[in-house]
Amino acid sequence: MFRGHFEHAIDDKGRVAVPVLFRQALVGLQDERLVLTKFRLRKRRCLDVYPLSAWRRFEDNLLSRNRFDPKLVQFRNVYVSGATECALDAQGRILVPQLLREYAGLKRDVMITGDVDKFRLWDAQTWHEVFAEDEEQVLDDEAFLRGLDL
């Protein structure tokens, strides 16, 4: 559903255009509301962006778990409490709240990357670093790639 990566810019008001292919996927889902939240991958911050329907499924999954599990409580304190809902405007943009822009270190140039059922919003330089590391580690792992039937 969400695949590829696209470079965009955040305007002075904190708005960023959602790539056309991603907007088309949202139309197909009949879902123009998104949920943005904090995420971190190997100590590098970004934002996870879910269609509202996928976010609700995620919340249902959380509710099916032991709510008193200390790790789950910590996770919810970061991931769920950091979440905010937003809508696409008429130009296909979303307004990224200042707090989330600061968290992810988003400046002007950002990279929007597909992650199957959601997408991520990265500072462009951070994304290039993460991608280079992943490319070297994963694409050289022949056993892992065989397991994916590539």
N, C-alpha and C. Protein backbone atom coordinates (compact mmCIF):
# COMPACT_ATOMS: atom_id res chain seq x y z
N MET A 1 0.83 -1.19 0.00
CA MET A 1 0.00 0.00 0.00
C MET A 1 0.88 1.25 0.00
N PHE A 2 1.77 1.41 0.99
CA PHE A 2 2.68 2.56 1.02
C PHE A 2 4.09 2.05 0.74
N ARG A 3 4.60 2.40 -0.44
CA ARG A 3 5.93 1.95 -0.81
C ARG A 3 6.66 3.08 -1.52
N GLY A 4 7.98 3.03 -1.48
CA GLY A 4 8.81 4.04 -2.12
C GLY A 4 9.24 5.11 -1.13
N HIS A 5 10.08 6.01 -1.60
CA HIS A 5 10.47 7.15 -0.78
C HIS A 5 10.49 8.41 -1.66
N PHE A 6 10.11 9.50 -1.02
CA PHE A 6 9.88 10.75 -1.74
C PHE A 6 10.44 11.91 -0.93
N GLU A 7 11.18 12.76 -1.60
CA GLU A 7 11.72 13.93 -0.93
C GLU A 7 10.77 15.10 -1.10
N HIS A 8 10.47 15.77 -0.01
CA HIS A 8 9.58 16.92 -0.01
C HIS A 8 10.15 17.99 0.91
N ALA A 9 9.49 19.11 0.97
CA ALA A 9 9.91 20.19 1.86
C ALA A 9 8.74 20.57 2.77
N ILE A 10 9.08 20.92 3.99
CA ILE A 10 8.08 21.44 4.92
C ILE A 10 8.06 22.95 4.74
N ASP A 11 6.88 23.52 4.63
CA ASP A 11 6.80 24.98 4.47
C ASP A 11 6.92 25.67 5.83
N ASP A 12 6.92 26.99 5.81
CA ASP A 12 7.12 27.77 7.04
C ASP A 12 6.04 27.55 8.08
N LYS A 13 4.88 27.07 7.65
CA LYS A 13 3.78 26.81 8.59
C LYS A 13 3.80 25.38 9.14
N GLY A 14 4.74 24.56 8.66
CA GLY A 14 4.83 23.19 9.14
C GLY A 14 4.03 22.20 8.32
N ARG A 15 3.65 22.58 7.11
CA ARG A 15 2.87 21.69 6.24
C ARG A 15 3.80 20.97 5.27
N VAL A 16 3.45 19.71 5.00
CA VAL A 16 4.20 18.93 4.01
C VAL A 16 3.21 18.19 3.14
N ALA A 17 3.50 18.13 1.85
CA ALA A 17 2.63 17.42 0.91
C ALA A 17 2.84 15.92 1.06
N VAL A 18 1.74 15.19 1.12
CA VAL A 18 1.78 13.73 1.11
C VAL A 18 1.96 13.33 -0.36
N PRO A 19 2.89 12.41 -0.64
CA PRO A 19 3.10 12.00 -2.04
C PRO A 19 1.79 11.54 -2.71
N VAL A 20 1.67 11.83 -3.98
CA VAL A 20 0.46 11.50 -4.75
C VAL A 20 0.11 10.01 -4.62
N LEU A 21 1.10 9.14 -4.73
CA LEU A 21 0.82 7.70 -4.63
C LEU A 21 0.24 7.34 -3.26
N PHE A 22 0.70 8.00 -2.22
CA PHE A 22 0.18 7.74 -0.88
C PHE A 22 -1.23 8.31 -0.75
N ARG A 23 -1.47 9.48 -1.34
CA ARG A 23 -2.83 10.04 -1.31
C ARG A 23 -3.80 9.13 -2.04
N GLN A 24 -3.36 8.55 -3.15
CA GLN A 24 -4.22 7.62 -3.88
C GLN A 24 -4.54 6.39 -3.03
N ALA A 25 -3.56 5.90 -2.29
CA ALA A 25 -3.80 4.76 -1.41
C ALA A 25 -4.81 5.14 -0.33
N LEU A 26 -4.71 6.34 0.20
CA LEU A 26 -5.66 6.80 1.23
C LEU A 26 -7.07 6.90 0.66
N VAL A 27 -7.19 7.40 -0.57
CA VAL A 27 -8.50 7.47 -1.22
C VAL A 27 -9.07 6.07 -1.37
N GLY A 28 -8.22 5.12 -1.76
CA GLY A 28 -8.66 3.74 -1.90
C GLY A 28 -9.15 3.16 -0.58
N LEU A 29 -8.56 3.61 0.52
CA LEU A 29 -8.99 3.17 1.85
C LEU A 29 -10.19 3.96 2.35
N GLN A 30 -10.58 4.98 1.60
CA GLN A 30 -11.62 5.93 2.02
C GLN A 30 -11.25 6.52 3.37
N ASP A 31 -9.99 6.95 3.47
CA ASP A 31 -9.44 7.40 4.74
C ASP A 31 -8.53 8.59 4.49
N GLU A 32 -8.99 9.79 4.78
CA GLU A 32 -8.17 10.97 4.58
C GLU A 32 -7.70 11.57 5.89
N ARG A 33 -7.92 10.85 6.99
CA ARG A 33 -7.41 11.28 8.29
C ARG A 33 -6.20 10.42 8.62
N LEU A 34 -5.20 11.05 9.20
CA LEU A 34 -3.95 10.38 9.54
C LEU A 34 -3.64 10.55 11.01
N VAL A 35 -2.85 9.63 11.54
CA VAL A 35 -2.36 9.74 12.90
C VAL A 35 -0.83 9.76 12.83
N LEU A 36 -0.24 10.80 13.38
CA LEU A 36 1.21 10.95 13.42
C LEU A 36 1.67 10.68 14.84
N THR A 37 2.79 9.96 14.98
CA THR A 37 3.32 9.72 16.31
C THR A 37 4.84 9.58 16.26
N LYS A 38 5.44 9.62 17.43
CA LYS A 38 6.89 9.55 17.57
C LYS A 38 7.39 8.13 17.38
N PHE A 39 8.54 8.01 16.69
CA PHE A 39 9.19 6.71 16.54
C PHE A 39 10.69 6.94 16.53
N ARG A 40 11.41 5.88 16.86
CA ARG A 40 12.87 5.96 16.85
C ARG A 40 13.43 4.65 16.33
N LEU A 41 14.38 4.74 15.45
CA LEU A 41 15.04 3.57 14.88
C LEU A 41 16.53 3.75 15.07
N ARG A 42 17.13 2.85 15.83
CA ARG A 42 18.56 2.93 16.15
C ARG A 42 18.97 4.33 16.60
N LYS A 43 18.22 4.85 17.54
CA LYS A 43 18.49 6.15 18.17
C LYS A 43 18.30 7.34 17.22
N ARG A 44 17.67 7.11 16.07
CA ARG A 44 17.37 8.21 15.15
C ARG A 44 15.87 8.39 15.11
N ARG A 45 15.45 9.61 15.32
CA ARG A 45 14.02 9.90 15.45
C ARG A 45 13.37 10.21 14.12
N CYS A 46 12.10 9.82 14.03
CA CYS A 46 11.27 10.11 12.88
C CYS A 46 9.82 10.08 13.36
N LEU A 47 8.89 10.18 12.43
CA LEU A 47 7.47 10.10 12.77
C LEU A 47 6.84 8.95 11.99
N ASP A 48 6.04 8.16 12.66
CA ASP A 48 5.20 7.17 12.00
C ASP A 48 3.89 7.85 11.64
N VAL A 49 3.38 7.58 10.44
CA VAL A 49 2.13 8.18 9.96
C VAL A 49 1.21 7.06 9.50
N TYR A 50 0.09 6.91 10.20
CA TYR A 50 -0.88 5.86 9.92
C TYR A 50 -2.15 6.44 9.33
N PRO A 51 -2.78 5.74 8.38
CA PRO A 51 -4.18 6.07 8.09
C PRO A 51 -4.97 5.80 9.37
N LEU A 52 -6.02 6.56 9.60
CA LEU A 52 -6.78 6.41 10.83
C LEU A 52 -7.28 4.98 11.02
N SER A 53 -7.71 4.32 9.95
CA SER A 53 -8.22 2.94 10.07
C SER A 53 -7.12 1.99 10.55
N ALA A 54 -5.90 2.15 10.06
CA ALA A 54 -4.78 1.29 10.49
C ALA A 54 -4.42 1.59 11.94
N TRP A 55 -4.48 2.87 12.32
CA TRP A 55 -4.20 3.25 13.71
C TRP A 55 -5.22 2.60 14.66
N ARG A 56 -6.48 2.60 14.26
CA ARG A 56 -7.52 1.99 15.11
C ARG A 56 -7.27 0.50 15.28
N ARG A 57 -6.85 -0.18 14.21
CA ARG A 57 -6.50 -1.61 14.33
C ARG A 57 -5.33 -1.79 15.29
N PHE A 58 -4.37 -0.90 15.19
CA PHE A 58 -3.21 -0.94 16.09
C PHE A 58 -3.66 -0.76 17.54
N GLU A 59 -4.54 0.21 17.79
CA GLU A 59 -5.06 0.42 19.15
C GLU A 59 -5.81 -0.82 19.65
N ASP A 60 -6.60 -1.44 18.79
CA ASP A 60 -7.30 -2.68 19.18
C ASP A 60 -6.30 -3.75 19.59
N ASN A 61 -5.21 -3.85 18.85
CA ASN A 61 -4.16 -4.81 19.19
C ASN A 61 -3.60 -4.50 20.57
N LEU A 62 -3.33 -3.23 20.86
CA LEU A 62 -2.81 -2.85 22.17
C LEU A 62 -3.79 -3.21 23.28
N LEU A 63 -5.08 -2.98 23.02
CA LEU A 63 -6.09 -3.26 24.04
C LEU A 63 -6.24 -4.76 24.33
N SER A 64 -5.81 -5.59 23.41
CA SER A 64 -5.92 -7.04 23.62
C SER A 64 -4.76 -7.58 24.47
N ARG A 65 -3.82 -6.75 24.79
CA ARG A 65 -2.63 -7.17 25.56
C ARG A 65 -2.78 -6.82 27.03
N ASN A 66 -1.88 -7.36 27.83
CA ASN A 66 -1.86 -7.09 29.27
C ASN A 66 -1.50 -5.63 29.51
N ARG A 67 -2.46 -4.83 29.86
CA ARG A 67 -2.23 -3.40 30.02
C ARG A 67 -1.32 -3.05 31.19
N PHE A 68 -1.03 -4.04 32.05
CA PHE A 68 -0.16 -3.79 33.20
C PHE A 68 1.28 -4.24 32.95
N ASP A 69 1.56 -4.75 31.78
CA ASP A 69 2.92 -5.12 31.42
C ASP A 69 3.76 -3.83 31.40
N PRO A 70 4.82 -3.77 32.23
CA PRO A 70 5.60 -2.52 32.33
C PRO A 70 6.16 -2.03 30.99
N LYS A 71 6.62 -2.94 30.13
CA LYS A 71 7.15 -2.53 28.82
C LYS A 71 6.05 -1.93 27.95
N LEU A 72 4.85 -2.53 28.02
CA LEU A 72 3.74 -2.01 27.24
C LEU A 72 3.33 -0.64 27.75
N VAL A 73 3.36 -0.44 29.05
CA VAL A 73 3.03 0.88 29.62
C VAL A 73 4.04 1.91 29.13
N GLN A 74 5.32 1.56 29.14
CA GLN A 74 6.35 2.48 28.65
C GLN A 74 6.13 2.80 27.17
N PHE A 75 5.86 1.76 26.39
CA PHE A 75 5.63 1.96 24.96
C PHE A 75 4.45 2.89 24.73
N ARG A 76 3.35 2.64 25.42
CA ARG A 76 2.17 3.48 25.24
C ARG A 76 2.45 4.91 25.68
N ASN A 77 3.25 5.09 26.73
CA ASN A 77 3.60 6.44 27.18
C ASN A 77 4.30 7.24 26.10
N VAL A 78 5.07 6.57 25.27
CA VAL A 78 5.79 7.26 24.21
C VAL A 78 4.97 7.29 22.92
N TYR A 79 4.54 6.13 22.47
CA TYR A 79 3.97 5.99 21.14
C TYR A 79 2.53 6.48 21.06
N VAL A 80 1.72 6.12 22.03
CA VAL A 80 0.31 6.50 21.99
C VAL A 80 0.12 7.93 22.48
N SER A 81 0.80 8.28 23.57
CA SER A 81 0.60 9.64 24.10
C SER A 81 1.17 10.69 23.16
N GLY A 82 2.12 10.29 22.30
CA GLY A 82 2.69 11.24 21.34
C GLY A 82 1.89 11.37 20.06
N ALA A 83 0.81 10.61 19.95
CA ALA A 83 0.04 10.58 18.71
C ALA A 83 -0.90 11.77 18.59
N THR A 84 -1.04 12.23 17.36
CA THR A 84 -1.99 13.30 17.07
C THR A 84 -2.67 13.01 15.72
N GLU A 85 -3.92 13.34 15.64
CA GLU A 85 -4.70 13.11 14.42
C GLU A 85 -4.69 14.38 13.57
N CYS A 86 -4.61 14.19 12.26
CA CYS A 86 -4.68 15.34 11.35
C CYS A 86 -5.36 14.91 10.06
N ALA A 87 -5.72 15.89 9.27
CA ALA A 87 -6.41 15.62 8.00
C ALA A 87 -5.61 16.22 6.85
N LEU A 88 -5.76 15.64 5.69
CA LEU A 88 -5.20 16.23 4.48
C LEU A 88 -5.98 17.49 4.14
N ASP A 89 -5.27 18.53 3.74
CA ASP A 89 -5.98 19.72 3.28
C ASP A 89 -6.29 19.58 1.79
N ALA A 90 -6.88 20.60 1.20
CA ALA A 90 -7.31 20.53 -0.20
C ALA A 90 -6.14 20.34 -1.16
N GLN A 91 -4.93 20.72 -0.75
CA GLN A 91 -3.74 20.55 -1.59
C GLN A 91 -3.00 19.25 -1.29
N GLY A 92 -3.56 18.39 -0.43
CA GLY A 92 -2.93 17.11 -0.12
C GLY A 92 -1.79 17.21 0.87
N ARG A 93 -1.84 18.25 1.71
CA ARG A 93 -0.78 18.45 2.71
C ARG A 93 -1.31 18.10 4.10
N ILE A 94 -0.36 17.80 4.99
CA ILE A 94 -0.70 17.65 6.40
C ILE A 94 0.11 18.68 7.18
N LEU A 95 -0.48 19.14 8.26
CA LEU A 95 0.20 20.04 9.17
C LEU A 95 0.85 19.20 10.25
N VAL A 96 2.18 19.23 10.29
CA VAL A 96 2.91 18.49 11.30
C VAL A 96 3.07 19.41 12.52
N PRO A 97 2.50 19.03 13.66
CA PRO A 97 2.59 19.90 14.83
C PRO A 97 4.05 20.19 15.21
N GLN A 98 4.26 21.40 15.71
CA GLN A 98 5.61 21.85 16.09
C GLN A 98 6.31 20.86 17.01
N LEU A 99 5.61 20.35 18.00
CA LEU A 99 6.21 19.41 18.95
C LEU A 99 6.76 18.16 18.23
N LEU A 100 6.00 17.65 17.27
CA LEU A 100 6.47 16.48 16.52
C LEU A 100 7.60 16.84 15.55
N ARG A 101 7.53 18.01 14.95
CA ARG A 101 8.64 18.45 14.08
C ARG A 101 9.94 18.54 14.87
N GLU A 102 9.84 19.10 16.07
CA GLU A 102 11.03 19.21 16.92
C GLU A 102 11.53 17.84 17.33
N TYR A 103 10.62 16.95 17.74
CA TYR A 103 11.01 15.62 18.16
C TYR A 103 11.82 14.91 17.07
N ALA A 104 11.34 14.94 15.84
CA ALA A 104 11.98 14.23 14.73
C ALA A 104 13.09 15.04 14.07
N GLY A 105 13.34 16.24 14.54
CA GLY A 105 14.39 17.07 13.96
C GLY A 105 14.11 17.45 12.52
N LEU A 106 12.82 17.63 12.21
CA LEU A 106 12.44 17.96 10.83
C LEU A 106 12.73 19.43 10.56
N LYS A 107 13.53 19.64 9.54
CA LYS A 107 13.84 21.00 9.13
C LYS A 107 13.09 21.26 7.83
N ARG A 108 13.74 21.74 6.83
CA ARG A 108 13.06 22.02 5.56
C ARG A 108 12.91 20.77 4.70
N ASP A 109 14.02 20.05 4.48
CA ASP A 109 14.00 18.89 3.60
C ASP A 109 13.68 17.63 4.39
N VAL A 110 12.63 16.94 3.94
CA VAL A 110 12.21 15.71 4.60
C VAL A 110 12.09 14.59 3.58
N MET A 111 12.15 13.38 4.08
CA MET A 111 11.96 12.19 3.25
C MET A 111 10.74 11.46 3.80
N ILE A 112 9.84 11.10 2.90
CA ILE A 112 8.64 10.36 3.25
C ILE A 112 8.84 8.96 2.69
N THR A 113 8.83 7.96 3.59
CA THR A 113 9.17 6.59 3.19
C THR A 113 8.02 5.64 3.48
N GLY A 114 7.73 4.78 2.52
CA GLY A 114 6.67 3.80 2.70
C GLY A 114 7.07 2.70 3.65
N ASP A 115 6.10 2.19 4.39
CA ASP A 115 6.32 1.07 5.31
C ASP A 115 5.08 0.17 5.33
N VAL A 116 4.62 -0.21 4.17
CA VAL A 116 3.51 -1.11 3.90
C VAL A 116 2.17 -0.53 4.36
N ASP A 117 1.85 -0.63 5.67
CA ASP A 117 0.54 -0.16 6.15
C ASP A 117 0.58 1.25 6.72
N LYS A 118 1.76 1.84 6.75
CA LYS A 118 1.95 3.22 7.23
C LYS A 118 3.12 3.81 6.46
N PHE A 119 3.44 5.06 6.74
CA PHE A 119 4.65 5.64 6.18
C PHE A 119 5.36 6.43 7.26
N ARG A 120 6.58 6.81 6.96
CA ARG A 120 7.39 7.53 7.94
C ARG A 120 7.83 8.87 7.36
N LEU A 121 8.03 9.79 8.25
CA LEU A 121 8.48 11.14 7.92
C LEU A 121 9.81 11.36 8.63
N TRP A 122 10.86 11.57 7.85
CA TRP A 122 12.22 11.69 8.35
C TRP A 122 12.83 13.04 7.96
N ASP A 123 13.76 13.53 8.75
CA ASP A 123 14.66 14.56 8.29
C ASP A 123 15.45 13.91 7.15
N ALA A 124 15.63 14.59 6.03
CA ALA A 124 16.24 13.98 4.84
C ALA A 124 17.63 13.44 5.13
N GLN A 125 18.45 14.20 5.82
CA GLN A 125 19.82 13.74 6.11
C GLN A 125 19.80 12.50 6.99
N THR A 126 18.94 12.48 7.99
CA THR A 126 18.82 11.31 8.87
C THR A 126 18.41 10.09 8.06
N TRP A 127 17.43 10.25 7.15
CA TRP A 127 17.00 9.12 6.33
C TRP A 127 18.15 8.57 5.50
N HIS A 128 18.95 9.43 4.90
CA HIS A 128 20.05 8.95 4.06
C HIS A 128 21.04 8.12 4.89
N GLU A 129 21.28 8.53 6.14
CA GLU A 129 22.16 7.76 7.02
C GLU A 129 21.56 6.40 7.36
N VAL A 130 20.28 6.38 7.74
CA VAL A 130 19.60 5.14 8.10
C VAL A 130 19.56 4.20 6.90
N PHE A 131 19.22 4.74 5.73
CA PHE A 131 19.13 3.92 4.53
C PHE A 131 20.48 3.28 4.20
N ALA A 132 21.56 4.05 4.29
CA ALA A 132 22.88 3.52 3.97
C ALA A 132 23.24 2.37 4.91
N GLU A 133 22.94 2.52 6.19
CA GLU A 133 23.22 1.45 7.16
C GLU A 133 22.38 0.22 6.85
N ASP A 134 21.09 0.41 6.60
CA ASP A 134 20.20 -0.72 6.33
C ASP A 134 20.62 -1.44 5.05
N GLU A 135 20.94 -0.67 4.02
CA GLU A 135 21.33 -1.27 2.75
C GLU A 135 22.54 -2.18 2.94
N GLU A 136 23.52 -1.70 3.67
CA GLU A 136 24.74 -2.48 3.87
C GLU A 136 24.46 -3.74 4.71
N GLN A 137 23.68 -3.60 5.77
CA GLN A 137 23.46 -4.73 6.66
C GLN A 137 22.49 -5.76 6.10
N VAL A 138 21.40 -5.33 5.52
CA VAL A 138 20.35 -6.26 5.11
C VAL A 138 20.62 -6.87 3.74
N LEU A 139 21.04 -6.07 2.79
CA LEU A 139 21.20 -6.60 1.44
C LEU A 139 22.42 -7.52 1.31
N ASP A 140 23.30 -7.50 2.30
CA ASP A 140 24.43 -8.43 2.31
C ASP A 140 24.11 -9.69 3.11
N ASP A 141 22.94 -9.78 3.71
CA ASP A 141 22.55 -10.93 4.52
C ASP A 141 21.78 -11.92 3.65
N GLU A 142 22.52 -12.82 3.01
CA GLU A 142 21.91 -13.74 2.04
C GLU A 142 20.88 -14.67 2.68
N ALA A 143 21.14 -15.13 3.91
CA ALA A 143 20.18 -16.02 4.57
C ALA A 143 18.86 -15.31 4.80
N PHE A 144 18.92 -14.07 5.23
CA PHE A 144 17.69 -13.29 5.44
C PHE A 144 16.93 -13.12 4.13
N LEU A 145 17.64 -12.75 3.09
CA LEU A 145 16.99 -12.52 1.79
C LEU A 145 16.37 -13.80 1.23
N ARG A 146 17.03 -14.94 1.42
CA ARG A 146 16.44 -16.21 0.97
C ARG A 146 15.13 -16.48 1.69
N GLY A 147 15.05 -16.11 2.98
CA GLY A 147 13.84 -16.29 3.76
C GLY A 147 12.67 -15.46 3.25
N LEU A 148 12.97 -14.41 2.52
CA LEU A 148 11.92 -13.56 1.95
C LEU A 148 11.49 -14.03 0.56
N ASP A 149 12.12 -15.06 0.07
CA ASP A 149 11.84 -15.58 -1.28
C ASP A 149 12.09 -14.53 -2.37
N LEU A 150 13.15 -13.78 -2.23
CA LEU A 150 13.51 -12.78 -3.25
C LEU A 150 14.19 -13.43 -4.43
